[in-house]
C-alpha atoms as a PDB file:
ATOM      1  CA  MET A   1       0.050  -0.031  -0.137  1.00  0.00           C
ATOM      2  CA  LYS A   2       2.777   2.311   0.895  1.00  0.00           C
ATOM      3  CA  LYS A   3       4.455   1.635  -2.568  1.00  0.00           C
ATOM      4  CA  ILE A   4       1.316   2.362  -4.418  1.00  0.00           C
ATOM      5  CA  LEU A   5       0.982   5.818  -2.358  1.00  0.00           C
ATOM      6  CA  MET A   6       4.538   6.807  -3.108  1.00  0.00           C
ATOM      7  CA  MET A   7       4.213   6.129  -6.644  1.00  0.00           C
ATOM      8  CA  THR A   8       1.082   8.167  -6.938  1.00  0.00           C
ATOM      9  CA  LEU A   9       2.496  11.141  -4.999  1.00  0.00           C
ATOM     10  CA  PHE A  10       5.483  11.043  -7.299  1.00  0.00           C
ATOM     11  CA  ALA A  11       3.496  10.771 -10.251  1.00  0.00           C
ATOM     12  CA  ILE A  12       1.605  13.628  -9.258  1.00  0.00           C
ATOM     13  CA  ALA A  13       4.631  15.864  -8.297  1.00  0.00           C
ATOM     14  CA  ALA A  14       6.122  14.858 -11.747  1.00  0.00           C
ATOM     15  CA  MET A  15       2.856  15.935 -13.608  1.00  0.00           C
ATOM     16  CA  ALA A  16       2.854  19.117 -11.603  1.00  0.00           C
ATOM     17  CA  ALA A  17       6.640  20.051 -12.444  1.00  0.00           C
ATOM     18  CA  TYR A  18       5.931  19.070 -16.041  1.00  0.00           C
ATOM     19  CA  SER A  19       2.692  21.300 -16.257  1.00  0.00           C
ATOM     20  CA  GLN A  20       4.922  24.522 -15.295  1.00  0.00           C
ATOM     21  CA  GLU A  21       7.599  23.731 -17.755  1.00  0.00           C
ATOM     22  CA  TYR A  22       5.743  24.715 -20.911  1.00  0.00           C
ATOM     23  CA  VAL A  23       4.068  27.957 -22.327  1.00  0.00           C
ATOM     24  CA  THR A  24       0.883  27.901 -24.490  1.00  0.00           C
ATOM     25  CA  VAL A  25       1.023  29.593 -27.716  1.00  0.00           C
ATOM     26  CA  ILE A  26      -1.362  30.027 -30.827  1.00  0.00           C
ATOM     27  CA  VAL A  27      -0.697  28.093 -34.042  1.00  0.00           C
ATOM     28  CA  ALA A  28      -0.930  30.959 -36.652  1.00  0.00           C
ATOM     29  CA  ASP A  29       0.169  29.442 -39.953  1.00  0.00           C
ATOM     30  CA  ALA A  30      -0.919  32.076 -42.575  1.00  0.00           C
ATOM     31  CA  SER A  31      -0.003  29.762 -45.695  1.00  0.00           C
ATOM     32  CA  GLY A  32      -3.562  28.385 -46.174  1.00  0.00           C
ATOM     33  CA  THR A  33      -2.011  24.787 -46.221  1.00  0.00           C
ATOM     34  CA  PRO A  34      -2.172  22.337 -43.292  1.00  0.00           C
ATOM     35  CA  THR A  35       0.435  22.935 -40.419  1.00  0.00           C
ATOM     36  CA  ASN A  36       2.709  20.056 -40.056  1.00  0.00           C
ATOM     37  CA  ILE A  37       3.648  18.470 -36.731  1.00  0.00           C
ATOM     38  CA  ARG A  38       6.720  16.349 -37.121  1.00  0.00           C
ATOM     39  CA  ASN A  39       8.520  13.474 -35.028  1.00  0.00           C
ATOM     40  CA  ALA A  40      11.930  15.556 -34.970  1.00  0.00           C
ATOM     41  CA  PRO A  41      13.147  18.980 -36.340  1.00  0.00           C
ATOM     42  CA  ASN A  42      12.239  18.866 -40.274  1.00  0.00           C
ATOM     43  CA  GLY A  43      11.419  15.204 -39.693  1.00  0.00           C
ATOM     44  CA  LYS A  44       8.504  13.034 -40.843  1.00  0.00           C
ATOM     45  CA  VAL A  45       4.993  14.588 -40.488  1.00  0.00           C
ATOM     46  CA  VAL A  46       3.045  12.827 -37.952  1.00  0.00           C
ATOM     47  CA  CYS A  47      -0.053  15.256 -37.803  1.00  0.00           C
ATOM     48  CA  GLN A  48      -1.343  17.852 -39.980  1.00  0.00           C
ATOM     49  CA  LEU A  49      -3.525  20.625 -38.520  1.00  0.00           C
ATOM     50  CA  ASP A  50      -6.670  21.981 -40.785  1.00  0.00           C
ATOM     51  CA  PRO A  51      -5.781  25.415 -42.135  1.00  0.00           C
ATOM     52  CA  LEU A  52      -9.338  26.723 -41.095  1.00  0.00           C
ATOM     53  CA  GLY A  53      -9.152  25.543 -37.342  1.00  0.00           C
ATOM     54  CA  SER A  54      -7.910  27.508 -34.433  1.00  0.00           C
ATOM     55  CA  TYR A  55      -5.216  25.795 -32.434  1.00  0.00           C
ATOM     56  CA  THR A  56      -3.006  25.982 -29.419  1.00  0.00           C
ATOM     57  CA  VAL A  57       0.086  24.208 -28.624  1.00  0.00           C
ATOM     58  CA  ASP A  58       2.338  23.859 -25.476  1.00  0.00           C
ATOM     59  CA  LEU A  59       5.834  24.534 -25.872  1.00  0.00           C
ATOM     60  CA  ILE A  60       8.781  22.703 -24.104  1.00  0.00           C
ATOM     61  CA  SER A  61      11.797  23.649 -25.643  1.00  0.00           C
ATOM     62  CA  VAL A  62      13.383  24.877 -28.987  1.00  0.00           C
ATOM     63  CA  LYS A  63      16.098  23.406 -31.236  1.00  0.00           C
ATOM     64  CA  ASN A  64      17.315  25.576 -34.346  1.00  0.00           C
ATOM     65  CA  GLY A  65      13.807  26.999 -34.802  1.00  0.00           C
ATOM     66  CA  TRP A  66      11.736  23.829 -34.000  1.00  0.00           C
ATOM     67  CA  TRP A  67       9.791  23.711 -30.879  1.00  0.00           C
ATOM     68  CA  ARG A  68       9.104  20.462 -29.027  1.00  0.00           C
ATOM     69  CA  ILE A  69       5.562  20.482 -27.939  1.00  0.00           C
ATOM     70  CA  THR A  70       3.444  18.405 -25.561  1.00  0.00           C
ATOM     71  CA  PRO A  71       1.727  15.427 -27.133  1.00  0.00           C
ATOM     72  CA  GLU A  72      -1.659  17.034 -27.791  1.00  0.00           C
ATOM     73  CA  VAL A  73      -3.048  20.188 -29.589  1.00  0.00           C
ATOM     74  CA  GLU A  74      -6.000  22.011 -28.329  1.00  0.00           C
ATOM     75  CA  GLU A  75      -8.619  22.944 -30.885  1.00  0.00           C
ATOM     76  CA  TRP A  76     -10.678  25.901 -30.326  1.00  0.00           C
ATOM     77  CA  GLY A  77     -14.207  26.935 -31.662  1.00  0.00           C
ATOM     78  CA  ASP A  78     -17.604  25.495 -31.779  1.00  0.00           C
ATOM     79  CA  ASP A  79     -16.108  22.019 -31.218  1.00  0.00           C
ATOM     80  CA  GLU A  80     -13.389  22.666 -28.545  1.00  0.00           C
ATOM     81  CA  LYS A  81     -11.399  19.353 -28.036  1.00  0.00           C
ATOM     82  CA  THR A  82      -8.091  18.036 -27.357  1.00  0.00           C
ATOM     83  CA  ILE A  83      -6.333  16.255 -30.213  1.00  0.00           C
ATOM     84  CA  PRO A  84      -3.894  13.709 -29.090  1.00  0.00           C
ATOM     85  CA  LEU A  85      -0.694  13.130 -31.149  1.00  0.00           C
ATOM     86  CA  LYS A  86       0.464   9.879 -32.281  1.00  0.00           C
ATOM     87  CA  GLY A  87       3.091   8.297 -34.237  1.00  0.00           C
ATOM     88  CA  SER A  88       6.409   9.388 -32.716  1.00  0.00           C
ATOM     89  CA  LYS A  89       8.629   7.940 -30.185  1.00  0.00           C
ATOM     90  CA  THR A  90      11.018  10.870 -30.376  1.00  0.00           C
ATOM     91  CA  GLY A  91       8.503  13.944 -29.446  1.00  0.00           C
ATOM     92  CA  TYR A  92       6.597  16.131 -31.663  1.00  0.00           C
ATOM     93  CA  TRP A  93       7.925  19.534 -33.151  1.00  0.00           C
ATOM     94  CA  ILE A  94       6.664  22.543 -34.817  1.00  0.00           C
ATOM     95  CA  HIS A  95       8.378  25.286 -36.534  1.00  0.00           C
ATOM     96  CA  GLN A  96       8.420  28.760 -34.889  1.00  0.00           C
ATOM     97  CA  SER A  97       7.266  30.408 -37.911  1.00  0.00           C
ATOM     98  CA  VAL A  98       3.845  29.072 -37.608  1.00  0.00           C
ATOM     99  CA  LEU A  99       3.499  30.218 -33.813  1.00  0.00           C
ATOM    100  CA  ASP A 100       2.136  33.440 -32.424  1.00  0.00           C
ATOM    101  CA  PHE A 101       0.917  34.866 -28.885  1.00  0.00           C
ATOM    102  CA  GLY A 102      -0.574  37.990 -27.609  1.00  0.00           C
ATOM    103  CA  ILE A 103       0.456  40.327 -24.659  1.00  0.00           C
ATOM    104  CA  SER A 104      -1.847  41.051 -21.773  1.00  0.00           C
ATOM    105  CA  GLY A 105      -1.277  42.866 -18.690  1.00  0.00           C
ATOM    106  CA  GLU A 106      -1.073  46.570 -17.801  1.00  0.00           C
ATOM    107  CA  GLN A 107       2.439  47.181 -17.991  1.00  0.00           C
ATOM    108  CA  ASP A 108       2.144  49.989 -20.666  1.00  0.00           C
ATOM    109  CA  ASN A 109       3.088  47.322 -23.646  1.00  0.00           C
ATOM    110  CA  ALA A 110       6.437  46.837 -21.909  1.00  0.00           C
ATOM    111  CA  VAL A 111       8.608  43.778 -22.034  1.00  0.00           C
ATOM    112  CA  HIS A 112      11.663  42.822 -20.228  1.00  0.00           C
ATOM    113  CA  VAL A 113      15.286  42.756 -21.922  1.00  0.00           C
ATOM    114  CA  ALA A 114      16.137  39.495 -19.861  1.00  0.00           C
ATOM    115  CA  PRO A 115      14.042  36.521 -18.484  1.00  0.00           C
ATOM    116  CA  SER A 116      13.710  38.389 -14.918  1.00  0.00           C
ATOM    117  CA  GLU A 117      11.204  40.715 -13.214  1.00  0.00           C
ATOM    118  CA  LYS A 118      14.200  42.814 -12.327  1.00  0.00           C
ATOM    119  CA  SER A 119      15.492  43.178 -15.748  1.00  0.00           C
ATOM    120  CA  LYS A 120      15.090  46.351 -17.640  1.00  0.00           C
ATOM    121  CA  LEU A 121      11.810  47.119 -19.157  1.00  0.00           C
ATOM    122  CA  VAL A 122      11.390  48.101 -22.778  1.00  0.00           C
ATOM    123  CA  LYS A 123       8.172  49.740 -24.306  1.00  0.00           C
ATOM    124  CA  LEU A 124       6.867  48.253 -27.456  1.00  0.00           C
ATOM    125  CA  SER A 125       6.107  50.709 -30.022  1.00  0.00           C
ATOM    126  CA  GLY A 126       3.297  50.528 -32.444  1.00  0.00           C
ATOM    127  CA  ASP A 127      -0.074  48.574 -31.960  1.00  0.00           C
ATOM    128  CA  ILE A 128       0.562  45.347 -30.503  1.00  0.00           C
ATOM    129  CA  PHE A 129      -2.558  43.750 -31.803  1.00  0.00           C
ATOM    130  CA  GLU A 130      -1.159  44.195 -35.217  1.00  0.00           C
ATOM    131  CA  MET A 131       2.237  42.499 -34.253  1.00  0.00           C
ATOM    132  CA  THR A 132       3.090  38.871 -34.874  1.00  0.00           C
ATOM    133  CA  PHE A 133       5.079  37.704 -31.595  1.00  0.00           C
ATOM    134  CA  VAL A 134       7.338  34.782 -32.654  1.00  0.00           C
ATOM    135  CA  PRO A 135       8.596  32.549 -29.715  1.00  0.00           C
ATOM    136  CA  VAL A 136      12.452  31.886 -30.164  1.00  0.00           C
ATOM    137  CA  ALA A 137      13.542  30.741 -26.982  1.00  0.00           C
ATOM    138  CA  LYS A 138      12.356  29.773 -23.401  1.00  0.00           C
ATOM    139  CA  LYS A 139      13.733  29.948 -19.949  1.00  0.00           C
ATOM    140  CA  GLY A 140      11.497  28.337 -17.119  1.00  0.00           C
ATOM    141  CA  GLN A 141       8.318  30.369 -17.545  1.00  0.00           C
ATOM    142  CA  TRP A 142       9.822  33.172 -19.625  1.00  0.00           C
ATOM    143  CA  LEU A 143       9.487  33.248 -23.298  1.00  0.00           C
ATOM    144  CA  LYS A 144      11.964  35.066 -25.511  1.00  0.00           C
ATOM    145  CA  PHE A 145      10.416  36.402 -28.757  1.00  0.00           C
ATOM    146  CA  THR A 146      10.852  38.471 -31.914  1.00  0.00           C
ATOM    147  CA  ALA A 147       8.212  40.772 -33.099  1.00  0.00           C
ATOM    148  CA  LYS A 148       7.719  43.135 -36.082  1.00  0.00           C
ATOM    149  CA  SER A 149       6.671  46.730 -35.882  1.00  0.00           C
ATOM    150  CA  GLY A 150       6.460  48.370 -39.212  1.00  0.00           C
ATOM    151  CA  LYS A 151      10.231  47.974 -40.430  1.00  0.00           C
ATOM    152  CA  ASN A 152      11.530  47.451 -36.999  1.00  0.00           C
ATOM    153  CA  THR A 153      12.082  44.129 -35.372  1.00  0.00           C
ATOM    154  CA  ILE A 154      11.930  43.905 -31.689  1.00  0.00           C
ATOM    155  CA  THR A 155      13.191  41.316 -29.340  1.00  0.00           C
ATOM    156  CA  GLY A 156      12.340  40.730 -25.608  1.00  0.00           C
ATOM    157  CA  TRP A 157      11.190  38.546 -22.903  1.00  0.00           C
ATOM    158  CA  ILE A 158       7.894  38.001 -21.419  1.00  0.00           C
ATOM    159  CA  HIS A 159       6.579  35.924 -18.611  1.00  0.00           C
ATOM    160  CA  ASN A 160       4.077  33.205 -18.913  1.00  0.00           C
ATOM    161  CA  ASP A 161       1.382  35.067 -17.034  1.00  0.00           C
ATOM    162  CA  ARG A 162       1.398  37.956 -19.662  1.00  0.00           C
ATOM    163  CA  ILE A 163       1.031  35.462 -22.616  1.00  0.00           C
ATOM    164  CA  CYS A 164      -2.449  35.406 -24.291  1.00  0.00           C
ATOM    165  CA  SER A 165      -3.038  31.934 -26.195  1.00  0.00           C
ATOM    166  CA  ASN A 166      -6.592  32.513 -26.891  1.00  0.00           C
ATOM    167  CA  PRO A 167      -6.751  32.362 -30.745  1.00  0.00           C
ATOM    168  CA  LEU A 168     -10.440  33.531 -30.716  1.00  0.00           C
ATOM    169  CA  THR A 169     -10.182  36.677 -28.597  1.00  0.00           C
ATOM    170  CA  THR A 170      -7.835  39.334 -27.192  1.00  0.00           C
ATOM    171  CA  CYS A 171      -7.013  38.931 -23.504  1.00  0.00           C
ATOM    172  CA  PRO A 172      -7.460  41.890 -21.007  1.00  0.00           C
END
């Protein structure tokens, strides 16, 4: 009985730690073709997302522009559902060029220059609702991004609690 209890507690602790190690973002593929999820960076396609759907994925880590994601995709809309990914023993990967997120919070559109609340804040210029925020790195609950504002490219860090990953609305 003790062994089962210990294994259960270990599993719960592992799930809690795992759930805190990812950041949720929007799949925003503007190509008009299905979005590929692969078994490795530039590997075999194991799933294709309908270009008319609205989806989010959970980012774990990045390698050369390819994000390793959790083994499920959330589909938004009238028929919200979780799509379990299958067909890979090496993880699931999606390219950063098809990802986006919004920024929420009341910090005057400011982002950090490093992954720390104590780091300098830099104000984003332009309309943040017109920008595409592409995730390029992750450190704990911090996400590094690049965003275009007119002819300028901005790089910054944002904490997970300010990321809006709802593909159907803007966040407050």
